[in-house]
């Protein structure tokens, strides 16, 4: 679906959106109506941190303000997560 349809559904269902290439890189977008946050960038998988010789999963904090290029906006393969 296009980004407008995906964003409307994501807001209604409180879900994130992504497309195949960004999802492969572990990235999703959480649209909000917040002037403070805009569209949040969230990871879809945790990273591994090593502490005292032990690996543990760590989720990265969401990032702010996605800056799409024209091709991002014209894609027709956006999906809800």
Foldseek 3Di string as FASTA:
>chain_A
DAPVVQLVVCVVVVFWKDFVVVVVVQWTWGADPDPVAGIKIFGNFFDWDADPNDIDTDGDDIDGDDDDDPVNRPDPGMDTD
